[in-house]
Amino acid sequence: MQRRHFHATLLGLGAAATLPAAFAQAQDGLREGTDYRRLNKPAPVDTGPGQVEVLEFFAYSCIHCFRFEPLMTAWMRKLPKEIVVRRVPVGFNAAFEPMQRLYFTLEAMGRLGDLHEKAFKAVHEERERFNSLDAVAAWAAKQGLDRQAFTQTYQSFGVSGKVKRALQLQDAYEVEATPSLGIAGRFIVPGQAARTLVVADALIARVRQA
């Protein structure tokens, strides 16, 4: 698990829950402060009416993210279309940026489907170090991508904008560690085990009922 060190005090759990929230917590068995944390200020969401957004905050260098990924992928396959899942590569410091750009470059080139898992395996099984453009471009070329096209996309305004947006989202969700799940702009759930997805299901149900 990779953690972020904040220079400011994290927003706490705040005042006691309202009666409806407390009732919902009793009904679904979740423990606020343990299973999940409620955001004091809602985070932005990018979904339409009737949809619930779920964000997976991760880093390719995080071993817990690597282990959590098969669980997350299997869970995503079973979700109804109203649940919109997006992955968000974190940037706790400058060393994370090449990995963020790798993710968004693969996305822009339409290669996440076959290379997202391979990128994890490259780091944790093949000991690749995604710490620079040269390193990630060399790896991408070995996967059959055109190196020049990859580099141009990696350095593009589009990818830069997505990196900036990812940083804004991780701040809005007060992400402390990876993996974590952001639910509907209202909750953050620490990840890495099957229990995480049980909690996510319960929170999604709560949001939809509201």
N, C-alpha and C. Protein backbone atom coordinates (compact mmCIF):
# COMPACT_ATOMS: atom_id res chain seq x y z
N MET A 1 0.85 -1.19 0.00
CA MET A 1 0.00 0.00 0.00
C MET A 1 0.88 1.23 0.00
N GLN A 2 0.62 2.13 -0.88
CA GLN A 2 1.39 3.36 -0.93
C GLN A 2 0.57 4.49 -0.33
N ARG A 3 1.21 5.24 0.55
CA ARG A 3 0.49 6.27 1.28
C ARG A 3 0.96 7.66 0.89
N ARG A 4 0.04 8.59 1.07
CA ARG A 4 0.33 9.98 0.82
C ARG A 4 0.55 10.67 2.15
N HIS A 5 1.54 11.53 2.24
CA HIS A 5 1.79 12.29 3.45
C HIS A 5 1.28 13.70 3.24
N PHE A 6 0.26 14.08 3.98
CA PHE A 6 -0.33 15.40 3.84
C PHE A 6 0.44 16.40 4.69
N HIS A 7 0.55 17.62 4.18
CA HIS A 7 1.16 18.70 4.95
C HIS A 7 0.12 19.42 5.79
N ALA A 8 -1.15 19.26 5.43
CA ALA A 8 -2.24 19.86 6.20
C ALA A 8 -2.99 18.75 6.91
N THR A 9 -3.75 19.12 7.92
CA THR A 9 -4.55 18.14 8.64
C THR A 9 -5.63 17.59 7.74
N LEU A 10 -5.77 16.25 7.73
CA LEU A 10 -6.81 15.64 6.92
C LEU A 10 -8.17 16.01 7.46
N LEU A 11 -9.14 16.15 6.58
CA LEU A 11 -10.51 16.38 7.03
C LEU A 11 -10.96 15.15 7.79
N GLY A 12 -11.46 15.34 8.98
CA GLY A 12 -11.81 14.23 9.84
C GLY A 12 -13.18 13.68 9.54
N LEU A 13 -13.66 12.86 10.45
CA LEU A 13 -14.96 12.24 10.26
C LEU A 13 -16.08 13.21 10.56
N GLY A 14 -15.75 14.33 11.19
CA GLY A 14 -16.74 15.38 11.36
C GLY A 14 -17.71 15.08 12.48
N ALA A 15 -18.84 15.78 12.42
CA ALA A 15 -19.85 15.64 13.47
C ALA A 15 -20.53 14.30 13.37
N ALA A 16 -21.34 14.01 14.37
CA ALA A 16 -22.08 12.75 14.37
C ALA A 16 -22.98 12.65 13.17
N ALA A 17 -23.22 11.41 12.72
CA ALA A 17 -24.03 11.20 11.53
C ALA A 17 -25.46 11.66 11.78
N THR A 18 -26.10 12.07 10.70
CA THR A 18 -27.51 12.41 10.80
C THR A 18 -28.30 11.14 11.05
N LEU A 19 -29.54 11.28 11.49
CA LEU A 19 -30.35 10.09 11.77
C LEU A 19 -30.53 9.19 10.56
N PRO A 20 -30.85 9.74 9.36
CA PRO A 20 -30.96 8.85 8.19
C PRO A 20 -29.68 8.11 7.89
N ALA A 21 -28.53 8.81 8.00
CA ALA A 21 -27.26 8.15 7.72
C ALA A 21 -26.97 7.07 8.76
N ALA A 22 -27.25 7.38 10.02
CA ALA A 22 -27.02 6.40 11.08
C ALA A 22 -27.90 5.18 10.88
N PHE A 23 -29.15 5.40 10.47
CA PHE A 23 -30.06 4.28 10.21
C PHE A 23 -29.54 3.43 9.07
N ALA A 24 -29.08 4.08 7.99
CA ALA A 24 -28.55 3.34 6.84
C ALA A 24 -27.33 2.52 7.26
N GLN A 25 -26.49 3.10 8.09
CA GLN A 25 -25.30 2.37 8.54
C GLN A 25 -25.69 1.14 9.34
N ALA A 26 -26.70 1.27 10.19
CA ALA A 26 -27.16 0.12 10.97
C ALA A 26 -27.74 -0.95 10.07
N GLN A 27 -28.44 -0.52 9.02
CA GLN A 27 -29.10 -1.47 8.12
C GLN A 27 -28.10 -2.28 7.31
N ASP A 28 -27.03 -1.63 6.80
CA ASP A 28 -26.12 -2.38 5.93
C ASP A 28 -24.87 -2.88 6.66
N GLY A 29 -24.75 -2.60 7.94
CA GLY A 29 -23.66 -3.16 8.74
C GLY A 29 -22.32 -2.51 8.51
N LEU A 30 -22.26 -1.39 7.83
CA LEU A 30 -20.98 -0.71 7.59
C LEU A 30 -20.56 0.08 8.82
N ARG A 31 -19.26 0.21 8.97
CA ARG A 31 -18.70 0.97 10.09
C ARG A 31 -17.98 2.19 9.54
N GLU A 32 -18.60 3.35 9.73
CA GLU A 32 -17.99 4.58 9.26
C GLU A 32 -16.71 4.83 10.05
N GLY A 33 -15.65 5.18 9.35
CA GLY A 33 -14.36 5.37 9.99
C GLY A 33 -13.48 4.14 9.94
N THR A 34 -14.09 2.98 9.67
CA THR A 34 -13.35 1.73 9.54
C THR A 34 -13.50 1.17 8.13
N ASP A 35 -14.74 0.92 7.74
CA ASP A 35 -15.00 0.39 6.41
C ASP A 35 -14.93 1.47 5.33
N TYR A 36 -15.25 2.68 5.69
CA TYR A 36 -15.26 3.78 4.73
C TYR A 36 -15.18 5.09 5.48
N ARG A 37 -14.95 6.17 4.74
CA ARG A 37 -14.96 7.50 5.31
C ARG A 37 -15.84 8.40 4.47
N ARG A 38 -16.66 9.18 5.11
CA ARG A 38 -17.53 10.13 4.42
C ARG A 38 -16.76 11.43 4.21
N LEU A 39 -16.83 11.97 2.99
CA LEU A 39 -16.17 13.23 2.70
C LEU A 39 -16.97 14.39 3.30
N ASN A 40 -16.27 15.32 3.92
CA ASN A 40 -16.95 16.51 4.43
C ASN A 40 -17.46 17.39 3.31
N LYS A 41 -16.73 17.42 2.21
CA LYS A 41 -17.11 18.22 1.05
C LYS A 41 -17.26 17.29 -0.15
N PRO A 42 -18.42 17.29 -0.83
CA PRO A 42 -18.60 16.38 -1.97
C PRO A 42 -17.54 16.60 -3.06
N ALA A 43 -17.08 15.51 -3.63
CA ALA A 43 -16.13 15.57 -4.74
C ALA A 43 -16.90 15.66 -6.05
N PRO A 44 -16.29 16.22 -7.10
CA PRO A 44 -16.99 16.31 -8.39
C PRO A 44 -17.21 14.93 -8.99
N VAL A 45 -18.32 14.77 -9.68
CA VAL A 45 -18.62 13.52 -10.38
C VAL A 45 -18.92 13.83 -11.84
N ASP A 46 -18.74 12.84 -12.67
CA ASP A 46 -18.94 13.02 -14.11
C ASP A 46 -19.89 11.95 -14.62
N THR A 47 -21.09 11.94 -14.08
CA THR A 47 -22.09 10.96 -14.47
C THR A 47 -23.43 11.63 -14.69
N GLY A 48 -24.31 10.94 -15.38
CA GLY A 48 -25.63 11.47 -15.67
C GLY A 48 -26.66 11.01 -14.65
N PRO A 49 -27.92 11.40 -14.84
CA PRO A 49 -29.00 11.01 -13.93
C PRO A 49 -29.13 9.50 -13.83
N GLY A 50 -29.30 9.01 -12.62
CA GLY A 50 -29.47 7.59 -12.40
C GLY A 50 -28.19 6.78 -12.38
N GLN A 51 -27.05 7.44 -12.63
CA GLN A 51 -25.77 6.74 -12.62
C GLN A 51 -25.03 6.98 -11.31
N VAL A 52 -24.17 6.04 -10.94
CA VAL A 52 -23.31 6.18 -9.77
C VAL A 52 -21.87 5.99 -10.22
N GLU A 53 -21.03 6.96 -9.91
CA GLU A 53 -19.63 6.90 -10.31
C GLU A 53 -18.78 6.26 -9.21
N VAL A 54 -17.92 5.34 -9.63
CA VAL A 54 -16.96 4.70 -8.74
C VAL A 54 -15.57 4.94 -9.32
N LEU A 55 -14.67 5.47 -8.51
CA LEU A 55 -13.30 5.72 -8.94
C LEU A 55 -12.35 4.79 -8.21
N GLU A 56 -11.50 4.12 -8.96
CA GLU A 56 -10.46 3.30 -8.34
C GLU A 56 -9.15 4.07 -8.38
N PHE A 57 -8.65 4.48 -7.23
CA PHE A 57 -7.38 5.18 -7.13
C PHE A 57 -6.28 4.12 -6.96
N PHE A 58 -5.29 4.14 -7.84
CA PHE A 58 -4.28 3.09 -7.85
C PHE A 58 -2.95 3.65 -8.33
N ALA A 59 -1.92 2.83 -8.19
CA ALA A 59 -0.61 3.13 -8.78
C ALA A 59 -0.02 1.82 -9.27
N TYR A 60 0.63 1.86 -10.43
CA TYR A 60 1.24 0.64 -10.95
C TYR A 60 2.32 0.11 -10.02
N SER A 61 2.95 0.98 -9.24
CA SER A 61 4.02 0.55 -8.35
C SER A 61 3.52 -0.01 -7.03
N CYS A 62 2.22 0.01 -6.80
CA CYS A 62 1.63 -0.44 -5.53
C CYS A 62 1.34 -1.94 -5.59
N ILE A 63 2.00 -2.72 -4.73
CA ILE A 63 1.82 -4.17 -4.75
C ILE A 63 0.40 -4.55 -4.36
N HIS A 64 -0.22 -3.79 -3.45
CA HIS A 64 -1.60 -4.09 -3.05
C HIS A 64 -2.57 -3.82 -4.20
N CYS A 65 -2.28 -2.81 -5.00
CA CYS A 65 -3.10 -2.54 -6.19
C CYS A 65 -3.00 -3.70 -7.17
N PHE A 66 -1.80 -4.20 -7.34
CA PHE A 66 -1.57 -5.34 -8.23
C PHE A 66 -2.37 -6.56 -7.78
N ARG A 67 -2.37 -6.82 -6.48
CA ARG A 67 -3.10 -7.97 -5.95
C ARG A 67 -4.61 -7.75 -5.96
N PHE A 68 -5.02 -6.49 -5.82
CA PHE A 68 -6.44 -6.16 -5.79
C PHE A 68 -7.06 -6.15 -7.19
N GLU A 69 -6.24 -5.93 -8.20
CA GLU A 69 -6.75 -5.73 -9.56
C GLU A 69 -7.62 -6.88 -10.07
N PRO A 70 -7.26 -8.16 -9.88
CA PRO A 70 -8.16 -9.23 -10.36
C PRO A 70 -9.53 -9.20 -9.69
N LEU A 71 -9.57 -8.87 -8.40
CA LEU A 71 -10.85 -8.75 -7.70
C LEU A 71 -11.67 -7.61 -8.28
N MET A 72 -11.01 -6.49 -8.52
CA MET A 72 -11.67 -5.31 -9.04
C MET A 72 -12.22 -5.57 -10.44
N THR A 73 -11.42 -6.21 -11.27
CA THR A 73 -11.83 -6.48 -12.65
C THR A 73 -13.03 -7.42 -12.69
N ALA A 74 -13.00 -8.47 -11.87
CA ALA A 74 -14.13 -9.41 -11.82
C ALA A 74 -15.39 -8.72 -11.32
N TRP A 75 -15.24 -7.85 -10.33
CA TRP A 75 -16.39 -7.11 -9.79
C TRP A 75 -16.99 -6.18 -10.84
N MET A 76 -16.14 -5.50 -11.59
CA MET A 76 -16.61 -4.57 -12.62
C MET A 76 -17.45 -5.28 -13.68
N ARG A 77 -17.08 -6.51 -14.00
CA ARG A 77 -17.81 -7.25 -15.05
C ARG A 77 -19.25 -7.55 -14.65
N LYS A 78 -19.53 -7.57 -13.35
CA LYS A 78 -20.86 -7.93 -12.86
C LYS A 78 -21.75 -6.71 -12.59
N LEU A 79 -21.20 -5.52 -12.73
CA LEU A 79 -21.96 -4.32 -12.38
C LEU A 79 -23.02 -3.99 -13.42
N PRO A 80 -24.15 -3.45 -13.00
CA PRO A 80 -25.14 -2.97 -13.97
C PRO A 80 -24.61 -1.73 -14.69
N LYS A 81 -25.19 -1.41 -15.82
CA LYS A 81 -24.68 -0.32 -16.65
C LYS A 81 -24.79 1.04 -15.96
N GLU A 82 -25.64 1.14 -14.94
CA GLU A 82 -25.81 2.41 -14.24
C GLU A 82 -24.61 2.75 -13.35
N ILE A 83 -23.75 1.78 -13.09
CA ILE A 83 -22.56 2.02 -12.27
C ILE A 83 -21.38 2.26 -13.21
N VAL A 84 -20.84 3.45 -13.14
CA VAL A 84 -19.75 3.86 -14.04
C VAL A 84 -18.44 3.84 -13.27
N VAL A 85 -17.53 2.95 -13.67
CA VAL A 85 -16.25 2.81 -12.98
C VAL A 85 -15.14 3.46 -13.80
N ARG A 86 -14.32 4.26 -13.13
CA ARG A 86 -13.17 4.86 -13.78
C ARG A 86 -11.94 4.64 -12.91
N ARG A 87 -10.83 4.32 -13.54
CA ARG A 87 -9.58 4.18 -12.80
C ARG A 87 -8.85 5.52 -12.80
N VAL A 88 -8.24 5.84 -11.66
CA VAL A 88 -7.53 7.11 -11.52
C VAL A 88 -6.13 6.83 -10.97
N PRO A 89 -5.09 6.95 -11.80
CA PRO A 89 -3.72 6.76 -11.31
C PRO A 89 -3.31 7.94 -10.43
N VAL A 90 -2.82 7.65 -9.23
CA VAL A 90 -2.50 8.71 -8.29
C VAL A 90 -1.13 9.31 -8.58
N GLY A 91 -0.93 10.50 -8.01
CA GLY A 91 0.36 11.18 -8.10
C GLY A 91 0.73 11.78 -6.77
N PHE A 92 1.20 10.94 -5.83
CA PHE A 92 1.52 11.42 -4.50
C PHE A 92 2.77 12.31 -4.50
N ASN A 93 3.62 12.12 -5.49
CA ASN A 93 4.78 13.00 -5.68
C ASN A 93 5.22 12.89 -7.14
N ALA A 94 6.26 13.59 -7.52
CA ALA A 94 6.67 13.66 -8.93
C ALA A 94 7.06 12.30 -9.50
N ALA A 95 7.49 11.38 -8.66
CA ALA A 95 7.92 10.06 -9.15
C ALA A 95 6.78 9.26 -9.75
N PHE A 96 5.54 9.62 -9.40
CA PHE A 96 4.38 8.88 -9.91
C PHE A 96 3.96 9.33 -11.32
N GLU A 97 4.43 10.49 -11.77
CA GLU A 97 3.90 11.04 -13.02
C GLU A 97 4.14 10.15 -14.24
N PRO A 98 5.32 9.52 -14.41
CA PRO A 98 5.48 8.64 -15.58
C PRO A 98 4.45 7.51 -15.61
N MET A 99 4.08 6.99 -14.45
CA MET A 99 3.08 5.92 -14.40
C MET A 99 1.69 6.47 -14.70
N GLN A 100 1.39 7.68 -14.23
CA GLN A 100 0.12 8.30 -14.58
C GLN A 100 0.03 8.50 -16.09
N ARG A 101 1.10 9.03 -16.66
CA ARG A 101 1.11 9.29 -18.10
C ARG A 101 1.05 7.99 -18.90
N LEU A 102 1.67 6.95 -18.39
CA LEU A 102 1.57 5.65 -19.06
C LEU A 102 0.12 5.21 -19.15
N TYR A 103 -0.59 5.28 -18.03
CA TYR A 103 -1.99 4.85 -18.02
C TYR A 103 -2.81 5.65 -19.02
N PHE A 104 -2.70 6.97 -18.98
CA PHE A 104 -3.53 7.79 -19.85
C PHE A 104 -3.10 7.70 -21.32
N THR A 105 -1.83 7.40 -21.56
CA THR A 105 -1.38 7.19 -22.94
C THR A 105 -1.96 5.89 -23.49
N LEU A 106 -1.92 4.83 -22.69
CA LEU A 106 -2.53 3.57 -23.12
C LEU A 106 -4.02 3.75 -23.37
N GLU A 107 -4.67 4.54 -22.51
CA GLU A 107 -6.10 4.82 -22.69
C GLU A 107 -6.34 5.54 -24.02
N ALA A 108 -5.54 6.57 -24.28
CA ALA A 108 -5.72 7.37 -25.51
C ALA A 108 -5.45 6.54 -26.76
N MET A 109 -4.57 5.56 -26.65
CA MET A 109 -4.22 4.73 -27.80
C MET A 109 -5.09 3.48 -27.89
N GLY A 110 -6.07 3.37 -27.01
CA GLY A 110 -6.98 2.23 -27.07
C GLY A 110 -6.35 0.91 -26.68
N ARG A 111 -5.34 0.94 -25.78
CA ARG A 111 -4.63 -0.28 -25.43
C ARG A 111 -4.74 -0.66 -23.95
N LEU A 112 -5.61 -0.02 -23.22
CA LEU A 112 -5.76 -0.40 -21.81
C LEU A 112 -6.26 -1.83 -21.66
N GLY A 113 -7.16 -2.23 -22.55
CA GLY A 113 -7.77 -3.55 -22.44
C GLY A 113 -6.75 -4.67 -22.39
N ASP A 114 -5.68 -4.57 -23.17
CA ASP A 114 -4.70 -5.67 -23.20
C ASP A 114 -3.39 -5.34 -22.49
N LEU A 115 -3.18 -4.07 -22.12
CA LEU A 115 -1.88 -3.72 -21.53
C LEU A 115 -1.93 -3.22 -20.09
N HIS A 116 -3.11 -2.92 -19.57
CA HIS A 116 -3.20 -2.44 -18.19
C HIS A 116 -2.66 -3.50 -17.21
N GLU A 117 -3.14 -4.71 -17.32
CA GLU A 117 -2.66 -5.78 -16.44
C GLU A 117 -1.19 -6.08 -16.70
N LYS A 118 -0.78 -6.03 -17.96
CA LYS A 118 0.63 -6.29 -18.29
C LYS A 118 1.55 -5.24 -17.67
N ALA A 119 1.06 -4.00 -17.56
CA ALA A 119 1.87 -2.95 -16.94
C ALA A 119 2.11 -3.27 -15.47
N PHE A 120 1.08 -3.74 -14.78
CA PHE A 120 1.24 -4.17 -13.40
C PHE A 120 2.27 -5.30 -13.31
N LYS A 121 2.13 -6.29 -14.17
CA LYS A 121 3.04 -7.44 -14.12
C LYS A 121 4.47 -7.03 -14.46
N ALA A 122 4.60 -6.06 -15.34
CA ALA A 122 5.94 -5.59 -15.70
C ALA A 122 6.67 -5.06 -14.47
N VAL A 123 5.96 -4.33 -13.63
CA VAL A 123 6.57 -3.75 -12.43
C VAL A 123 6.83 -4.81 -11.37
N HIS A 124 5.84 -5.66 -11.11
CA HIS A 124 5.92 -6.54 -9.94
C HIS A 124 6.45 -7.94 -10.22
N GLU A 125 6.47 -8.34 -11.47
CA GLU A 125 7.01 -9.66 -11.80
C GLU A 125 8.27 -9.58 -12.65
N GLU A 126 8.35 -8.55 -13.50
CA GLU A 126 9.50 -8.43 -14.39
C GLU A 126 10.47 -7.35 -13.94
N ARG A 127 10.13 -6.66 -12.84
CA ARG A 127 11.00 -5.65 -12.23
C ARG A 127 11.34 -4.48 -13.13
N GLU A 128 10.38 -4.12 -13.99
CA GLU A 128 10.53 -2.90 -14.79
C GLU A 128 10.40 -1.69 -13.86
N ARG A 129 11.07 -0.61 -14.22
CA ARG A 129 10.98 0.62 -13.44
C ARG A 129 10.39 1.71 -14.33
N PHE A 130 9.14 2.04 -14.10
CA PHE A 130 8.46 3.06 -14.89
C PHE A 130 8.70 4.43 -14.26
N ASN A 131 9.93 4.89 -14.36
CA ASN A 131 10.31 6.14 -13.69
C ASN A 131 10.69 7.26 -14.64
N SER A 132 10.47 7.06 -15.94
CA SER A 132 10.81 8.10 -16.92
C SER A 132 10.10 7.81 -18.23
N LEU A 133 10.05 8.80 -19.10
CA LEU A 133 9.49 8.60 -20.43
C LEU A 133 10.25 7.50 -21.17
N ASP A 134 11.57 7.54 -21.12
CA ASP A 134 12.36 6.53 -21.83
C ASP A 134 12.01 5.12 -21.37
N ALA A 135 11.84 4.95 -20.06
CA ALA A 135 11.55 3.62 -19.52
C ALA A 135 10.19 3.12 -19.98
N VAL A 136 9.17 3.96 -19.88
CA VAL A 136 7.83 3.50 -20.26
C VAL A 136 7.70 3.36 -21.76
N ALA A 137 8.37 4.23 -22.53
CA ALA A 137 8.31 4.15 -23.99
C ALA A 137 9.00 2.88 -24.48
N ALA A 138 10.12 2.52 -23.84
CA ALA A 138 10.82 1.29 -24.22
C ALA A 138 9.94 0.07 -23.95
N TRP A 139 9.26 0.08 -22.80
CA TRP A 139 8.36 -1.02 -22.48
C TRP A 139 7.20 -1.08 -23.46
N ALA A 140 6.62 0.07 -23.77
CA ALA A 140 5.50 0.12 -24.70
C ALA A 140 5.90 -0.40 -26.07
N ALA A 141 7.11 -0.06 -26.51
CA ALA A 141 7.59 -0.52 -27.81
C ALA A 141 7.70 -2.05 -27.82
N LYS A 142 8.11 -2.63 -26.69
CA LYS A 142 8.21 -4.10 -26.61
C LYS A 142 6.83 -4.76 -26.67
N GLN A 143 5.79 -3.98 -26.37
CA GLN A 143 4.42 -4.51 -26.45
C GLN A 143 3.82 -4.31 -27.84
N GLY A 144 4.61 -3.76 -28.75
CA GLY A 144 4.15 -3.60 -30.12
C GLY A 144 3.63 -2.23 -30.48
N LEU A 145 3.70 -1.26 -29.56
CA LEU A 145 3.25 0.09 -29.88
C LEU A 145 4.35 0.84 -30.62
N ASP A 146 3.93 1.73 -31.51
CA ASP A 146 4.88 2.58 -32.21
C ASP A 146 5.48 3.56 -31.20
N ARG A 147 6.79 3.54 -31.05
CA ARG A 147 7.43 4.35 -30.00
C ARG A 147 7.21 5.84 -30.22
N GLN A 148 7.29 6.29 -31.47
CA GLN A 148 7.11 7.72 -31.74
C GLN A 148 5.69 8.16 -31.41
N ALA A 149 4.71 7.36 -31.83
CA ALA A 149 3.31 7.69 -31.54
C ALA A 149 3.05 7.67 -30.04
N PHE A 150 3.64 6.69 -29.36
CA PHE A 150 3.48 6.62 -27.91
C PHE A 150 4.05 7.87 -27.25
N THR A 151 5.25 8.26 -27.65
CA THR A 151 5.91 9.43 -27.06
C THR A 151 5.12 10.70 -27.30
N GLN A 152 4.61 10.86 -28.51
CA GLN A 152 3.82 12.06 -28.82
C GLN A 152 2.55 12.11 -27.97
N THR A 153 1.91 10.97 -27.81
CA THR A 153 0.70 10.93 -26.99
C THR A 153 1.03 11.19 -25.52
N TYR A 154 2.09 10.57 -25.03
CA TYR A 154 2.54 10.73 -23.65
C TYR A 154 2.76 12.20 -23.32
N GLN A 155 3.30 12.95 -24.28
CA GLN A 155 3.64 14.36 -24.05
C GLN A 155 2.52 15.32 -24.47
N SER A 156 1.39 14.80 -24.88
CA SER A 156 0.32 15.63 -25.44
C SER A 156 -0.42 16.44 -24.37
N PHE A 157 -1.10 17.49 -24.82
CA PHE A 157 -1.92 18.30 -23.92
C PHE A 157 -3.06 17.46 -23.33
N GLY A 158 -3.59 16.54 -24.13
CA GLY A 158 -4.68 15.71 -23.65
C GLY A 158 -4.28 14.88 -22.45
N VAL A 159 -3.13 14.23 -22.53
CA VAL A 159 -2.64 13.43 -21.41
C VAL A 159 -2.27 14.32 -20.23
N SER A 160 -1.67 15.46 -20.49
CA SER A 160 -1.33 16.39 -19.41
C SER A 160 -2.59 16.84 -18.67
N GLY A 161 -3.65 17.09 -19.42
CA GLY A 161 -4.92 17.49 -18.81
C GLY A 161 -5.50 16.41 -17.93
N LYS A 162 -5.37 15.15 -18.37
CA LYS A 162 -5.91 14.04 -17.58
C LYS A 162 -5.09 13.81 -16.31
N VAL A 163 -3.79 14.03 -16.39
CA VAL A 163 -2.96 13.94 -15.19
C VAL A 163 -3.39 15.01 -14.19
N LYS A 164 -3.59 16.21 -14.67
CA LYS A 164 -4.04 17.30 -13.79
C LYS A 164 -5.38 16.97 -13.16
N ARG A 165 -6.30 16.42 -13.94
CA ARG A 165 -7.62 16.05 -13.42
C ARG A 165 -7.50 14.94 -12.38
N ALA A 166 -6.61 13.99 -12.60
CA ALA A 166 -6.41 12.91 -11.63
C ALA A 166 -5.93 13.46 -10.29
N LEU A 167 -5.03 14.43 -10.34
CA LEU A 167 -4.54 15.04 -9.10
C LEU A 167 -5.66 15.78 -8.37
N GLN A 168 -6.51 16.44 -9.13
CA GLN A 168 -7.64 17.15 -8.53
C GLN A 168 -8.59 16.16 -7.85
N LEU A 169 -8.83 15.03 -8.49
CA LEU A 169 -9.74 14.04 -7.92
C LEU A 169 -9.17 13.40 -6.67
N GLN A 170 -7.88 13.08 -6.67
CA GLN A 170 -7.31 12.46 -5.48
C GLN A 170 -7.32 13.44 -4.31
N ASP A 171 -7.17 14.74 -4.59
CA ASP A 171 -7.27 15.74 -3.53
C ASP A 171 -8.71 15.86 -3.05
N ALA A 172 -9.66 15.89 -3.99
CA ALA A 172 -11.07 16.03 -3.62
C ALA A 172 -11.54 14.86 -2.76
N TYR A 173 -11.02 13.66 -3.05
CA TYR A 173 -11.40 12.47 -2.28
C TYR A 173 -10.49 12.25 -1.06
N GLU A 174 -9.53 13.14 -0.87
CA GLU A 174 -8.61 13.04 0.27
C GLU A 174 -7.97 11.65 0.32
N VAL A 175 -7.47 11.20 -0.82
CA VAL A 175 -6.91 9.85 -0.91
C VAL A 175 -5.64 9.76 -0.06
N GLU A 176 -5.63 8.84 0.86
CA GLU A 176 -4.50 8.66 1.76
C GLU A 176 -3.57 7.54 1.31
N ALA A 177 -4.12 6.54 0.65
CA ALA A 177 -3.33 5.37 0.29
C ALA A 177 -3.98 4.66 -0.89
N THR A 178 -3.21 3.79 -1.52
CA THR A 178 -3.74 3.01 -2.63
C THR A 178 -3.70 1.53 -2.26
N PRO A 179 -4.67 0.75 -2.79
CA PRO A 179 -5.81 1.19 -3.60
C PRO A 179 -6.92 1.75 -2.71
N SER A 180 -7.74 2.62 -3.28
CA SER A 180 -8.92 3.15 -2.60
C SER A 180 -10.02 3.32 -3.64
N LEU A 181 -11.26 3.24 -3.19
CA LEU A 181 -12.40 3.44 -4.07
C LEU A 181 -13.16 4.69 -3.64
N GLY A 182 -13.42 5.57 -4.59
CA GLY A 182 -14.26 6.73 -4.35
C GLY A 182 -15.66 6.42 -4.84
N ILE A 183 -16.65 6.69 -4.02
CA ILE A 183 -18.04 6.34 -4.35
C ILE A 183 -18.89 7.60 -4.44
N ALA A 184 -19.37 7.90 -5.64
CA ALA A 184 -20.40 8.92 -5.88
C ALA A 184 -20.04 10.30 -5.35
N GLY A 185 -18.76 10.60 -5.25
CA GLY A 185 -18.36 11.90 -4.76
C GLY A 185 -18.63 12.10 -3.28
N ARG A 186 -18.95 11.02 -2.56
CA ARG A 186 -19.36 11.15 -1.16
C ARG A 186 -18.55 10.31 -0.18
N PHE A 187 -18.00 9.18 -0.65
CA PHE A 187 -17.33 8.25 0.25
C PHE A 187 -15.99 7.82 -0.32
N ILE A 188 -15.06 7.47 0.58
CA ILE A 188 -13.80 6.86 0.18
C ILE A 188 -13.65 5.57 0.95
N VAL A 189 -13.29 4.49 0.23
CA VAL A 189 -13.21 3.15 0.82
C VAL A 189 -11.79 2.63 0.64
N PRO A 190 -11.09 2.27 1.72
CA PRO A 190 -9.76 1.68 1.56
C PRO A 190 -9.88 0.32 0.89
N GLY A 191 -8.96 0.03 -0.02
CA GLY A 191 -9.07 -1.19 -0.80
C GLY A 191 -8.01 -2.21 -0.51
N GLN A 192 -8.10 -3.35 -1.16
CA GLN A 192 -7.13 -4.43 -1.31
C GLN A 192 -7.71 -5.79 -0.97
N ALA A 193 -8.96 -5.88 -0.51
CA ALA A 193 -9.52 -7.18 -0.17
C ALA A 193 -10.97 -7.27 -0.63
N ALA A 194 -11.50 -8.50 -0.61
CA ALA A 194 -12.88 -8.72 -1.05
C ALA A 194 -13.85 -7.88 -0.23
N ARG A 195 -13.54 -7.66 1.05
CA ARG A 195 -14.41 -6.85 1.90
C ARG A 195 -14.62 -5.46 1.31
N THR A 196 -13.62 -4.93 0.67
CA THR A 196 -13.72 -3.61 0.04
C THR A 196 -14.89 -3.54 -0.92
N LEU A 197 -15.07 -4.58 -1.69
CA LEU A 197 -16.11 -4.58 -2.71
C LEU A 197 -17.48 -4.82 -2.10
N VAL A 198 -17.54 -5.52 -0.99
CA VAL A 198 -18.79 -5.65 -0.24
C VAL A 198 -19.22 -4.29 0.27
N VAL A 199 -18.26 -3.53 0.80
CA VAL A 199 -18.53 -2.18 1.29
C VAL A 199 -18.98 -1.30 0.13
N ALA A 200 -18.28 -1.40 -1.00
CA ALA A 200 -18.65 -0.59 -2.17
C ALA A 200 -20.07 -0.90 -2.62
N ASP A 201 -20.43 -2.17 -2.66
CA ASP A 201 -21.80 -2.56 -3.05
C ASP A 201 -22.83 -1.92 -2.12
N ALA A 202 -22.55 -1.95 -0.82
CA ALA A 202 -23.49 -1.41 0.15
C ALA A 202 -23.62 0.11 0.00
N LEU A 203 -22.51 0.79 -0.21
CA LEU A 203 -22.55 2.24 -0.37
C LEU A 203 -23.25 2.64 -1.67
N ILE A 204 -23.01 1.88 -2.73
CA ILE A 204 -23.69 2.14 -3.99
C ILE A 204 -25.20 1.98 -3.81
N ALA A 205 -25.60 0.92 -3.12
CA ALA A 205 -27.03 0.70 -2.86
C ALA A 205 -27.61 1.84 -2.05
N ARG A 206 -26.84 2.34 -1.09
CA ARG A 206 -27.29 3.46 -0.27
C ARG A 206 -27.51 4.71 -1.11
N VAL A 207 -26.55 4.97 -2.00
CA VAL A 207 -26.65 6.15 -2.88
C VAL A 207 -27.87 6.02 -3.80
N ARG A 208 -28.07 4.84 -4.35
CA ARG A 208 -29.20 4.65 -5.28
C ARG A 208 -30.54 4.76 -4.58
N GLN A 209 -30.61 4.32 -3.35
CA GLN A 209 -31.85 4.43 -2.59
C GLN A 209 -32.18 5.87 -2.25
N ALA A 210 -31.11 6.66 -2.03
CA ALA A 210 -31.32 8.07 -1.68
C ALA A 210 -31.81 8.86 -2.89
